[in-house]
Amino acid sequence: MNNMNNMDMAYLMQMLSKMDKNQLEAGIAKANKILQSKNKEDIFKQINKNNTNK
């Protein structure tokens, strides 16, 4: 399990390193807005929407 977490973190760090400052700030703001929502269904809908738009 720990190895999987390390791989996920390495992948995350690789993705973050490719983003410029504006992209990173926009992503953090969007994630923060989603996490502020008290409705978990809204969070899942937003995540699924983002995944299908790729």
Protein backbone atom coordinates (compact mmCIF):
# COMPACT_ATOMS: atom_id res chain seq x y z
CA MET A 1 0.00 0.00 0.00
CA ASN A 2 2.76 2.41 0.90
CA ASN A 3 4.45 1.83 -2.46
CA MET A 4 1.23 2.82 -4.23
CA ASN A 5 1.04 6.03 -2.22
CA ASN A 6 4.61 6.84 -3.17
CA MET A 7 3.85 6.28 -6.85
CA ASP A 8 0.76 8.48 -6.64
CA MET A 9 2.79 11.22 -4.95
CA ALA A 10 5.54 10.94 -7.58
CA TYR A 11 2.94 11.23 -10.34
CA LEU A 12 1.34 14.21 -8.62
CA MET A 13 4.69 15.95 -8.25
CA GLN A 14 5.49 15.28 -11.91
CA MET A 15 2.17 16.81 -12.98
CA LEU A 16 2.66 19.84 -10.75
CA SER A 17 6.15 20.44 -12.09
CA LYS A 18 4.74 20.78 -15.63
CA MET A 19 2.21 23.47 -14.66
CA ASP A 20 2.99 27.15 -14.73
CA LYS A 21 2.15 29.34 -11.75
CA ASN A 22 -1.19 30.55 -13.14
CA GLN A 23 -2.36 27.00 -13.94
CA LEU A 24 -1.32 25.82 -10.50
CA GLU A 25 -3.10 28.68 -8.72
CA ALA A 26 -6.25 28.14 -10.79
CA GLY A 27 -6.21 24.41 -10.03
CA ILE A 28 -5.74 25.02 -6.31
CA ALA A 29 -8.55 27.58 -6.27
CA LYS A 30 -10.87 25.16 -8.08
CA ALA A 31 -9.97 22.29 -5.75
CA ASN A 32 -10.49 24.52 -2.72
CA LYS A 33 -13.91 25.59 -3.99
CA ILE A 34 -14.93 21.97 -4.54
CA LEU A 35 -13.68 20.94 -1.09
CA GLN A 36 -15.54 23.82 0.57
CA SER A 37 -18.78 22.29 -0.68
CA LYS A 38 -20.52 20.36 2.07
CA ASN A 39 -22.28 18.11 -0.45
CA LYS A 40 -20.16 15.09 -1.34
CA GLU A 41 -22.30 14.38 -4.41
CA ASP A 42 -21.35 17.78 -5.83
CA ILE A 43 -17.69 16.96 -5.27
CA PHE A 44 -18.01 13.63 -7.11
CA LYS A 45 -19.95 15.23 -9.97
CA GLN A 46 -17.26 17.91 -10.39
CA ILE A 47 -14.47 15.33 -10.36
CA ASN A 48 -16.27 13.15 -12.89
CA LYS A 49 -16.99 16.17 -15.08
CA ASN A 50 -13.31 17.11 -15.04
CA ASN A 51 -12.24 13.56 -15.88
CA THR A 52 -14.59 13.32 -18.86
CA ASN A 53 -13.41 16.64 -20.29
CA LYS A 54 -9.83 15.39 -20.75
